[in-house]
Each structure stands twice: as structure tokens, then as C-alpha cells.
Amino acid sequence: MSTRDIRSKYHCCASCRHFASGREDGRVYNRCERLGYRTHPKYQFNCWDPKDRVKKRMMEER
């Protein structure tokens, strides 16, 4: 599997170190701590920085 294929498999907000979930008014929300606004786990942005456990999995698949 190429590096590009591996990256596209894992590239999403939920696997980024800046992704955070929380509660507000009794509802769950997802937020990008880096960009400062709400996001969706499946969204993709160019600032993606994978969590350490995701990096490890990507290296294992390489």
C-alpha cells in the first residue's frame, strides 16, 4: 500500500490530535481545538496532524 493510500484511509478529523468531543446544553459536539470551531468526525482538512496511535498504525501498514 502506498503512503498516499494509507494516508487517505486514516485522514479525517476523528483521527487528528486536535479533535475533541464535549457536551454543551446536554448535547454532544465535536470541535477542532486548533481551528476553533465545530467539525464532523469524517471531515478532512489540510491541517490534519494524526494522533500518535494513528501514526503507529500507518507505519505498521506501510
PDB file of N, CA and C in Angstrom:
ATOM      1  N   MET A   1       0.841  -1.167   0.000  1.00  0.00           N
ATOM      2  CA  MET A   1       0.000   0.000   0.000  1.00  0.00           C
ATOM      3  C   MET A   1       0.894   1.241   0.000  1.00  0.00           C
ATOM      4  N   SER A   2       0.591   2.181  -0.840  1.00  0.00           N
ATOM      5  CA  SER A   2       1.414   3.386  -0.932  1.00  0.00           C
ATOM      6  C   SER A   2       1.123   4.334   0.233  1.00  0.00           C
ATOM      7  N   THR A   3       2.021   5.269   0.468  1.00  0.00           N
ATOM      8  CA  THR A   3       1.859   6.248   1.536  1.00  0.00           C
ATOM      9  C   THR A   3       0.594   7.057   1.338  1.00  0.00           C
ATOM     10  N   ARG A   4       0.287   7.408   0.092  1.00  0.00           N
ATOM     11  CA  ARG A   4      -0.915   8.190  -0.207  1.00  0.00           C
ATOM     12  C   ARG A   4      -2.175   7.402   0.141  1.00  0.00           C
ATOM     13  N   ASP A   5      -2.205   6.094  -0.193  1.00  0.00           N
ATOM     14  CA  ASP A   5      -3.358   5.253   0.114  1.00  0.00           C
ATOM     15  C   ASP A   5      -3.547   5.114   1.619  1.00  0.00           C
ATOM     16  N   ILE A   6      -2.460   4.911   2.345  1.00  0.00           N
ATOM     17  CA  ILE A   6      -2.535   4.776   3.797  1.00  0.00           C
ATOM     18  C   ILE A   6      -3.047   6.072   4.412  1.00  0.00           C
ATOM     19  N   ARG A   7      -2.504   7.181   3.952  1.00  0.00           N
ATOM     20  CA  ARG A   7      -2.922   8.476   4.486  1.00  0.00           C
ATOM     21  C   ARG A   7      -4.395   8.733   4.221  1.00  0.00           C
ATOM     22  N   SER A   8      -4.881   8.438   3.033  1.00  0.00           N
ATOM     23  CA  SER A   8      -6.285   8.691   2.717  1.00  0.00           C
ATOM     24  C   SER A   8      -7.209   7.776   3.510  1.00  0.00           C
ATOM     25  N   LYS A   9      -6.725   6.621   3.905  1.00  0.00           N
ATOM     26  CA  LYS A   9      -7.525   5.690   4.708  1.00  0.00           C
ATOM     27  C   LYS A   9      -7.774   6.255   6.104  1.00  0.00           C
ATOM     28  N   TYR A  10      -6.808   6.937   6.681  1.00  0.00           N
ATOM     29  CA  TYR A  10      -6.898   7.442   8.044  1.00  0.00           C
ATOM     30  C   TYR A  10      -7.208   8.933   8.152  1.00  0.00           C
ATOM     31  N   HIS A  11      -7.085   9.671   7.062  1.00  0.00           N
ATOM     32  CA  HIS A  11      -7.227  11.129   7.101  1.00  0.00           C
ATOM     33  C   HIS A  11      -8.678  11.542   7.358  1.00  0.00           C
ATOM     34  N   CYS A  12      -8.958  11.938   8.584  1.00  0.00           N
ATOM     35  CA  CYS A  12     -10.253  12.502   8.951  1.00  0.00           C
ATOM     36  C   CYS A  12     -10.097  13.213  10.286  1.00  0.00           C
ATOM     37  N   CYS A  13     -11.015  14.069  10.607  1.00  0.00           N
ATOM     38  CA  CYS A  13     -10.913  14.838  11.852  1.00  0.00           C
ATOM     39  C   CYS A  13     -10.843  13.942  13.082  1.00  0.00           C
ATOM     40  N   ALA A  14     -11.581  12.855  13.113  1.00  0.00           N
ATOM     41  CA  ALA A  14     -11.618  11.998  14.297  1.00  0.00           C
ATOM     42  C   ALA A  14     -10.254  11.396  14.621  1.00  0.00           C
ATOM     43  N   SER A  15      -9.368  11.280  13.651  1.00  0.00           N
ATOM     44  CA  SER A  15      -8.044  10.708  13.906  1.00  0.00           C
ATOM     45  C   SER A  15      -6.979  11.784  14.112  1.00  0.00           C
ATOM     46  N   CYS A  16      -7.385  13.036  14.175  1.00  0.00           N
ATOM     47  CA  CYS A  16      -6.446  14.149  14.355  1.00  0.00           C
ATOM     48  C   CYS A  16      -6.272  14.477  15.834  1.00  0.00           C
ATOM     49  N   ARG A  17      -5.068  14.874  16.202  1.00  0.00           N
ATOM     50  CA  ARG A  17      -4.793  15.194  17.597  1.00  0.00           C
ATOM     51  C   ARG A  17      -5.539  16.438  18.076  1.00  0.00           C
ATOM     52  N   HIS A  18      -6.070  17.255  17.192  1.00  0.00           N
ATOM     53  CA  HIS A  18      -6.791  18.474  17.565  1.00  0.00           C
ATOM     54  C   HIS A  18      -8.293  18.248  17.731  1.00  0.00           C
ATOM     55  N   PHE A  19      -8.765  17.060  17.424  1.00  0.00           N
ATOM     56  CA  PHE A  19     -10.189  16.733  17.509  1.00  0.00           C
ATOM     57  C   PHE A  19     -10.587  16.501  18.963  1.00  0.00           C
ATOM     58  N   ALA A  20     -11.678  17.116  19.388  1.00  0.00           N
ATOM     59  CA  ALA A  20     -12.165  16.947  20.759  1.00  0.00           C
ATOM     60  C   ALA A  20     -13.681  16.856  20.752  1.00  0.00           C
ATOM     61  N   SER A  21     -14.217  16.075  21.665  1.00  0.00           N
ATOM     62  CA  SER A  21     -15.661  15.963  21.843  1.00  0.00           C
ATOM     63  C   SER A  21     -16.019  16.524  23.203  1.00  0.00           C
ATOM     64  N   GLY A  22     -17.216  17.039  23.302  1.00  0.00           N
ATOM     65  CA  GLY A  22     -17.663  17.583  24.578  1.00  0.00           C
ATOM     66  C   GLY A  22     -19.169  17.691  24.616  1.00  0.00           C
ATOM     67  N   ARG A  23     -19.679  18.190  25.715  1.00  0.00           N
ATOM     68  CA  ARG A  23     -21.120  18.390  25.880  1.00  0.00           C
ATOM     69  C   ARG A  23     -21.399  19.861  26.113  1.00  0.00           C
ATOM     70  N   GLU A  24     -22.483  20.298  25.516  1.00  0.00           N
ATOM     71  CA  GLU A  24     -22.937  21.668  25.695  1.00  0.00           C
ATOM     72  C   GLU A  24     -24.449  21.641  25.685  1.00  0.00           C
ATOM     73  N   ASP A  25     -25.059  22.166  26.700  1.00  0.00           N
ATOM     74  CA  ASP A  25     -26.524  22.149  26.829  1.00  0.00           C
ATOM     75  C   ASP A  25     -27.083  20.742  26.695  1.00  0.00           C
ATOM     76  N   GLY A  26     -26.369  19.757  27.225  1.00  0.00           N
ATOM     77  CA  GLY A  26     -26.830  18.379  27.197  1.00  0.00           C
ATOM     78  C   GLY A  26     -26.641  17.666  25.868  1.00  0.00           C
ATOM     79  N   ARG A  27     -26.019  18.313  24.916  1.00  0.00           N
ATOM     80  CA  ARG A  27     -25.797  17.713  23.597  1.00  0.00           C
ATOM     81  C   ARG A  27     -24.309  17.503  23.366  1.00  0.00           C
ATOM     82  N   VAL A  28     -23.978  16.439  22.653  1.00  0.00           N
ATOM     83  CA  VAL A  28     -22.583  16.147  22.321  1.00  0.00           C
ATOM     84  C   VAL A  28     -22.192  16.965  21.088  1.00  0.00           C
ATOM     85  N   TYR A  29     -20.998  17.520  21.126  1.00  0.00           N
ATOM     86  CA  TYR A  29     -20.489  18.240  19.964  1.00  0.00           C
ATOM     87  C   TYR A  29     -19.042  17.845  19.711  1.00  0.00           C
ATOM     88  N   ASN A  30     -18.593  18.010  18.491  1.00  0.00           N
ATOM     89  CA  ASN A  30     -17.211  17.744  18.094  1.00  0.00           C
ATOM     90  C   ASN A  30     -16.597  19.073  17.690  1.00  0.00           C
ATOM     91  N   ARG A  31     -15.344  19.261  18.079  1.00  0.00           N
ATOM     92  CA  ARG A  31     -14.689  20.546  17.853  1.00  0.00           C
ATOM     93  C   ARG A  31     -13.237  20.346  17.455  1.00  0.00           C
ATOM     94  N   CYS A  32     -12.762  21.195  16.582  1.00  0.00           N
ATOM     95  CA  CYS A  32     -11.343  21.246  16.249  1.00  0.00           C
ATOM     96  C   CYS A  32     -10.726  22.290  17.165  1.00  0.00           C
ATOM     97  N   GLU A  33      -9.898  21.843  18.096  1.00  0.00           N
ATOM     98  CA  GLU A  33      -9.277  22.758  19.045  1.00  0.00           C
ATOM     99  C   GLU A  33      -8.297  23.711  18.353  1.00  0.00           C
ATOM    100  N   ARG A  34      -7.696  23.281  17.274  1.00  0.00           N
ATOM    101  CA  ARG A  34      -6.734  24.127  16.560  1.00  0.00           C
ATOM    102  C   ARG A  34      -7.433  25.242  15.795  1.00  0.00           C
ATOM    103  N   LEU A  35      -8.469  24.877  15.040  1.00  0.00           N
ATOM    104  CA  LEU A  35      -9.175  25.856  14.215  1.00  0.00           C
ATOM    105  C   LEU A  35     -10.221  26.637  15.007  1.00  0.00           C
ATOM    106  N   GLY A  36     -10.696  26.047  16.108  1.00  0.00           N
ATOM    107  CA  GLY A  36     -11.619  26.758  16.983  1.00  0.00           C
ATOM    108  C   GLY A  36     -13.083  26.701  16.588  1.00  0.00           C
ATOM    109  N   TYR A  37     -13.486  25.708  15.828  1.00  0.00           N
ATOM    110  CA  TYR A  37     -14.906  25.601  15.510  1.00  0.00           C
ATOM    111  C   TYR A  37     -15.351  24.156  15.453  1.00  0.00           C
ATOM    112  N   ARG A  38     -16.662  23.972  15.431  1.00  0.00           N
ATOM    113  CA  ARG A  38     -17.218  22.622  15.405  1.00  0.00           C
ATOM    114  C   ARG A  38     -16.923  21.957  14.077  1.00  0.00           C
ATOM    115  N   THR A  39     -16.813  20.646  14.140  1.00  0.00           N
ATOM    116  CA  THR A  39     -16.497  19.871  12.947  1.00  0.00           C
ATOM    117  C   THR A  39     -17.230  18.538  13.019  1.00  0.00           C
ATOM    118  N   HIS A  40     -17.056  17.728  12.034  1.00  0.00           N
ATOM    119  CA  HIS A  40     -17.657  16.403  11.970  1.00  0.00           C
ATOM    120  C   HIS A  40     -16.523  15.385  11.908  1.00  0.00           C
ATOM    121  N   PRO A  41     -16.668  14.226  12.543  1.00  0.00           N
ATOM    122  CA  PRO A  41     -15.573  13.247  12.569  1.00  0.00           C
ATOM    123  C   PRO A  41     -15.057  12.831  11.190  1.00  0.00           C
ATOM    124  N   LYS A  42     -15.892  12.867  10.168  1.00  0.00           N
ATOM    125  CA  LYS A  42     -15.478  12.422   8.836  1.00  0.00           C
ATOM    126  C   LYS A  42     -14.906  13.533   7.960  1.00  0.00           C
ATOM    127  N   TYR A  43     -14.969  14.773   8.402  1.00  0.00           N
ATOM    128  CA  TYR A  43     -14.431  15.879   7.610  1.00  0.00           C
ATOM    129  C   TYR A  43     -12.919  15.738   7.470  1.00  0.00           C
ATOM    130  N   GLN A  44     -12.375  16.387   6.445  1.00  0.00           N
ATOM    131  CA  GLN A  44     -10.936  16.371   6.201  1.00  0.00           C
ATOM    132  C   GLN A  44     -10.441  17.794   5.932  1.00  0.00           C
ATOM    133  N   PHE A  45      -9.345  18.153   6.585  1.00  0.00           N
ATOM    134  CA  PHE A  45      -8.725  19.453   6.371  1.00  0.00           C
ATOM    135  C   PHE A  45      -7.235  19.250   6.127  1.00  0.00           C
ATOM    136  N   ASN A  46      -6.601  20.208   5.488  1.00  0.00           N
ATOM    137  CA  ASN A  46      -5.173  20.108   5.170  1.00  0.00           C
ATOM    138  C   ASN A  46      -4.284  20.217   6.407  1.00  0.00           C
ATOM    139  N   CYS A  47      -4.809  20.692   7.508  1.00  0.00           N
ATOM    140  CA  CYS A  47      -4.002  20.848   8.720  1.00  0.00           C
ATOM    141  C   CYS A  47      -3.963  19.564   9.545  1.00  0.00           C
ATOM    142  N   TRP A  48      -4.467  18.477   9.014  1.00  0.00           N
ATOM    143  CA  TRP A  48      -4.553  17.200   9.726  1.00  0.00           C
ATOM    144  C   TRP A  48      -3.207  16.779  10.283  1.00  0.00           C
ATOM    145  N   ASP A  49      -3.192  16.473  11.578  1.00  0.00           N
ATOM    146  CA  ASP A  49      -1.999  16.001  12.278  1.00  0.00           C
ATOM    147  C   ASP A  49      -2.434  14.770  13.073  1.00  0.00           C
ATOM    148  N   PRO A  50      -2.154  13.565  12.572  1.00  0.00           N
ATOM    149  CA  PRO A  50      -2.698  12.352  13.189  1.00  0.00           C
ATOM    150  C   PRO A  50      -2.220  12.123  14.623  1.00  0.00           C
ATOM    151  N   LYS A  51      -3.089  11.505  15.405  1.00  0.00           N
ATOM    152  CA  LYS A  51      -2.749  11.114  16.775  1.00  0.00           C
ATOM    153  C   LYS A  51      -1.632  10.083  16.715  1.00  0.00           C
ATOM    154  N   ASP A  52      -0.901   9.941  17.813  1.00  0.00           N
ATOM    155  CA  ASP A  52       0.226   9.008  17.858  1.00  0.00           C
ATOM    156  C   ASP A  52      -0.186   7.578  17.530  1.00  0.00           C
ATOM    157  N   ARG A  53      -1.333   7.136  18.034  1.00  0.00           N
ATOM    158  CA  ARG A  53      -1.767   5.758  17.763  1.00  0.00           C
ATOM    159  C   ARG A  53      -2.109   5.559  16.282  1.00  0.00           C
ATOM    160  N   VAL A  54      -2.578   6.610  15.634  1.00  0.00           N
ATOM    161  CA  VAL A  54      -2.876   6.532  14.197  1.00  0.00           C
ATOM    162  C   VAL A  54      -1.580   6.489  13.401  1.00  0.00           C
ATOM    163  N   LYS A  55      -0.600   7.292  13.798  1.00  0.00           N
ATOM    164  CA  LYS A  55       0.711   7.256  13.140  1.00  0.00           C
ATOM    165  C   LYS A  55       1.321   5.862  13.231  1.00  0.00           C
ATOM    166  N   LYS A  56       1.191   5.251  14.419  1.00  0.00           N
ATOM    167  CA  LYS A  56       1.731   3.908  14.628  1.00  0.00           C
ATOM    168  C   LYS A  56       1.060   2.902  13.691  1.00  0.00           C
ATOM    169  N   ARG A  57      -0.244   2.963  13.569  1.00  0.00           N
ATOM    170  CA  ARG A  57      -0.955   2.051  12.659  1.00  0.00           C
ATOM    171  C   ARG A  57      -0.561   2.276  11.206  1.00  0.00           C
ATOM    172  N   MET A  58      -0.382   3.530  10.835  1.00  0.00           N
ATOM    173  CA  MET A  58       0.010   3.840   9.471  1.00  0.00           C
ATOM    174  C   MET A  58       1.391   3.247   9.177  1.00  0.00           C
ATOM    175  N   MET A  59       2.295   3.351  10.145  1.00  0.00           N
ATOM    176  CA  MET A  59       3.653   2.808   9.958  1.00  0.00           C
ATOM    177  C   MET A  59       3.619   1.276   9.882  1.00  0.00           C
ATOM    178  N   GLU A  60       2.762   0.645  10.655  1.00  0.00           N
ATOM    179  CA  GLU A  60       2.642  -0.810  10.624  1.00  0.00           C
ATOM    180  C   GLU A  60       2.121  -1.311   9.276  1.00  0.00           C
ATOM    181  N   GLU A  61       1.223  -0.558   8.661  1.00  0.00           N
ATOM    182  CA  GLU A  61       0.649  -0.943   7.370  1.00  0.00           C
ATOM    183  C   GLU A  61       1.602  -0.697   6.218  1.00  0.00           C
ATOM    184  N   ARG A  62       2.533   0.186   6.417  1.00  0.00           N
ATOM    185  CA  ARG A  62       3.485   0.518   5.366  1.00  0.00           C
ATOM    186  C   ARG A  62       4.292  -0.690   5.078  1.00  0.00           C
TER     187      ARG A  62
END
